[in-house]
C-alpha atoms as a PDB file:
ATOM      1  CA  MET A   1       0.000   0.000   0.000  1.00  0.00           C
ATOM      2  CA  THR A   2       1.540   3.302  -1.034  1.00  0.00           C
ATOM      3  CA  HIS A   3       1.528   6.459   1.043  1.00  0.00           C
ATOM      4  CA  ASP A   4      -1.092   7.983  -1.269  1.00  0.00           C
ATOM      5  CA  GLU A   5      -3.327   4.934  -0.863  1.00  0.00           C
ATOM      6  CA  LYS A   6      -2.987   5.239   2.911  1.00  0.00           C
ATOM      7  CA  LEU A   7      -3.911   8.929   2.699  1.00  0.00           C
ATOM      8  CA  THR A   8      -6.982   8.124   0.606  1.00  0.00           C
ATOM      9  CA  ALA A   9      -8.093   5.417   3.039  1.00  0.00           C
ATOM     10  CA  LEU A  10      -7.535   7.703   6.025  1.00  0.00           C
ATOM     11  CA  LYS A  11      -9.540  10.500   4.389  1.00  0.00           C
ATOM     12  CA  ALA A  12     -12.392   8.069   3.764  1.00  0.00           C
ATOM     13  CA  MET A  13     -12.327   6.900   7.387  1.00  0.00           C
ATOM     14  CA  VAL A  14     -12.223  10.273   9.134  1.00  0.00           C
ATOM     15  CA  GLY A  15     -13.849  12.561   6.599  1.00  0.00           C
ATOM     16  CA  GLY A  16     -13.245  16.099   7.761  1.00  0.00           C
ATOM     17  CA  SER A  17     -11.180  18.784   6.184  1.00  0.00           C
ATOM     18  CA  ASP A  18      -7.686  17.990   7.414  1.00  0.00           C
ATOM     19  CA  THR A  19      -4.852  18.731   5.016  1.00  0.00           C
ATOM     20  CA  ASP A  20      -2.656  16.033   3.550  1.00  0.00           C
ATOM     21  CA  GLU A  21       0.182  17.292   5.762  1.00  0.00           C
ATOM     22  CA  VAL A  22      -1.858  16.719   8.923  1.00  0.00           C
ATOM     23  CA  LEU A  23      -2.980  13.277   7.774  1.00  0.00           C
ATOM     24  CA  SER A  24       0.599  12.378   6.803  1.00  0.00           C
ATOM     25  CA  ALA A  25       1.810  13.450  10.239  1.00  0.00           C
ATOM     26  CA  TYR A  26      -0.695  11.118  11.906  1.00  0.00           C
ATOM     27  CA  LEU A  27       0.240   8.291   9.539  1.00  0.00           C
ATOM     28  CA  ASN A  28       3.899   8.815  10.484  1.00  0.00           C
ATOM     29  CA  LEU A  29       3.041   8.803  14.197  1.00  0.00           C
ATOM     30  CA  ALA A  30       1.027   5.608  13.783  1.00  0.00           C
ATOM     31  CA  GLY A  31       3.856   4.045  11.788  1.00  0.00           C
ATOM     32  CA  GLY A  32       6.321   4.915  14.538  1.00  0.00           C
ATOM     33  CA  LYS A  33       4.155   3.197  17.142  1.00  0.00           C
ATOM     34  CA  ILE A  34       3.910   0.066  14.994  1.00  0.00           C
ATOM     35  CA  ILE A  35       7.663  -0.010  14.367  1.00  0.00           C
ATOM     36  CA  ALA A  36       8.406   0.511  18.074  1.00  0.00           C
ATOM     37  CA  LYS A  37       6.180  -2.453  18.955  1.00  0.00           C
ATOM     38  CA  ALA A  38       7.351  -4.715  16.116  1.00  0.00           C
ATOM     39  CA  TYR A  39      11.058  -3.933  16.418  1.00  0.00           C
ATOM     40  CA  PRO A  40      11.718  -2.937  20.035  1.00  0.00           C
ATOM     41  CA  TYR A  41      15.497  -3.473  19.736  1.00  0.00           C
ATOM     42  CA  LYS A  42      16.144  -2.404  16.139  1.00  0.00           C
ATOM     43  CA  SER A  43      16.242   1.363  15.840  1.00  0.00           C
ATOM     44  CA  GLU A  44      17.365   1.308  12.205  1.00  0.00           C
ATOM     45  CA  VAL A  45      13.966   0.069  10.939  1.00  0.00           C
ATOM     46  CA  THR A  46      12.009   2.965   9.430  1.00  0.00           C
ATOM     47  CA  GLU A  47       9.428   1.332   7.148  1.00  0.00           C
ATOM     48  CA  VAL A  48       6.173  -0.166   8.383  1.00  0.00           C
ATOM     49  CA  PRO A  49       5.942  -3.819   7.269  1.00  0.00           C
ATOM     50  CA  ALA A  50       3.323  -4.425   4.587  1.00  0.00           C
ATOM     51  CA  GLN A  51       1.170  -6.614   6.840  1.00  0.00           C
ATOM     52  CA  TYR A  52       0.605  -3.618   9.138  1.00  0.00           C
ATOM     53  CA  HIS A  53      -0.332  -0.969   6.539  1.00  0.00           C
ATOM     54  CA  TYR A  54      -4.069  -1.204   7.254  1.00  0.00           C
ATOM     55  CA  LEU A  55      -3.392  -1.166  10.979  1.00  0.00           C
ATOM     56  CA  GLN A  56      -1.327   1.989  10.459  1.00  0.00           C
ATOM     57  CA  VAL A  57      -4.339   3.681   8.852  1.00  0.00           C
ATOM     58  CA  GLU A  58      -6.641   2.453  11.641  1.00  0.00           C
ATOM     59  CA  ILE A  59      -4.321   3.773  14.357  1.00  0.00           C
ATOM     60  CA  ALA A  60      -3.964   7.116  12.559  1.00  0.00           C
ATOM     61  CA  ALA A  61      -7.769   7.381  12.334  1.00  0.00           C
ATOM     62  CA  TYR A  62      -8.063   6.544  16.034  1.00  0.00           C
ATOM     63  CA  MET A  63      -5.567   9.265  16.954  1.00  0.00           C
ATOM     64  CA  LEU A  64      -7.255  11.808  14.668  1.00  0.00           C
ATOM     65  CA  ASN A  65     -10.682  11.091  16.131  1.00  0.00           C
ATOM     66  CA  LYS A  66      -9.310  11.457  19.642  1.00  0.00           C
ATOM     67  CA  ARG A  67      -7.872  14.930  19.026  1.00  0.00           C
ATOM     68  CA  GLY A  68      -8.915  17.518  21.551  1.00  0.00           C
ATOM     69  CA  ALA A  69      -9.648  14.932  24.208  1.00  0.00           C
ATOM     70  CA  GLU A  70      -6.211  13.359  24.630  1.00  0.00           C
ATOM     71  CA  GLY A  71      -5.950  11.191  27.702  1.00  0.00           C
ATOM     72  CA  GLN A  72      -9.638  11.443  28.525  1.00  0.00           C
ATOM     73  CA  THR A  73     -10.646   8.788  31.018  1.00  0.00           C
ATOM     74  CA  SER A  74     -14.307   9.692  31.305  1.00  0.00           C
ATOM     75  CA  HIS A  75     -16.633  12.308  29.904  1.00  0.00           C
ATOM     76  CA  THR A  76     -20.402  12.532  29.860  1.00  0.00           C
ATOM     77  CA  GLU A  77     -22.323  15.261  28.106  1.00  0.00           C
ATOM     78  CA  ASN A  78     -25.851  15.271  26.685  1.00  0.00           C
ATOM     79  CA  GLY A  79     -26.131  11.507  26.935  1.00  0.00           C
ATOM     80  CA  ILE A  80     -22.758  10.857  25.273  1.00  0.00           C
ATOM     81  CA  THR A  81     -20.148   9.088  27.365  1.00  0.00           C
ATOM     82  CA  ARG A  82     -16.484   8.848  26.385  1.00  0.00           C
ATOM     83  CA  GLN A  83     -13.722   6.849  28.012  1.00  0.00           C
ATOM     84  CA  TYR A  84     -10.339   5.856  26.687  1.00  0.00           C
ATOM     85  CA  GLU A  85      -8.402   2.716  27.430  1.00  0.00           C
ATOM     86  CA  ASN A  86      -5.298   4.818  28.021  1.00  0.00           C
ATOM     87  CA  ALA A  87      -3.752   8.063  26.846  1.00  0.00           C
ATOM     88  CA  ASP A  88      -1.910   6.352  24.009  1.00  0.00           C
ATOM     89  CA  VAL A  89      -2.953   3.869  21.344  1.00  0.00           C
ATOM     90  CA  PRO A  90      -4.977   1.133  23.068  1.00  0.00           C
ATOM     91  CA  ALA A  91      -3.233  -2.159  23.714  1.00  0.00           C
ATOM     92  CA  SER A  92      -6.128  -3.876  21.954  1.00  0.00           C
ATOM     93  CA  MET A  93      -5.017  -2.243  18.665  1.00  0.00           C
ATOM     94  CA  LEU A  94      -1.335  -3.074  19.173  1.00  0.00           C
ATOM     95  CA  LYS A  95      -1.858  -6.704  20.150  1.00  0.00           C
ATOM     96  CA  ALA A  96      -2.030  -7.669  16.465  1.00  0.00           C
ATOM     97  CA  ILE A  97       1.661  -6.766  16.102  1.00  0.00           C
ATOM     98  CA  THR A  98       4.152  -9.571  16.534  1.00  0.00           C
ATOM     99  CA  PRO A  99       7.503  -8.333  17.858  1.00  0.00           C
ATOM    100  CA  TYR A 100      10.548  -9.269  15.800  1.00  0.00           C
ATOM    101  CA  CYS A 101      12.981 -11.651  17.469  1.00  0.00           C
ATOM    102  CA  GLY A 102      16.572 -12.191  16.562  1.00  0.00           C
ATOM    103  CA  VAL A 103      19.801 -13.678  17.749  1.00  0.00           C
ATOM    104  CA  ILE A 104      22.452 -11.656  19.541  1.00  0.00           C
ATOM    105  CA  LYS A 105      25.672 -11.698  17.563  1.00  0.00           C
END
């Protein structure tokens, strides 16, 4: 999935009027979280593996939709209740990532 395809998918998921730069920033943040989970001991990895491209878009959409209420643990207003699993990307989204293992040389 190319960066442009990810942008298109993210736009379709969140709608709104965010610029491509804003959406790209969130895609990069989501990619960084995936790489940190998948390669905890390999700092030279910079590309999100292909099997996690859709997850990258999902995480970016999650972070975009959470804007303005970062870290919210509870909120009730006019019959709408919001709670977040944690202030970061929920563990339930990251559990699909299998960390890379290697041999110490």
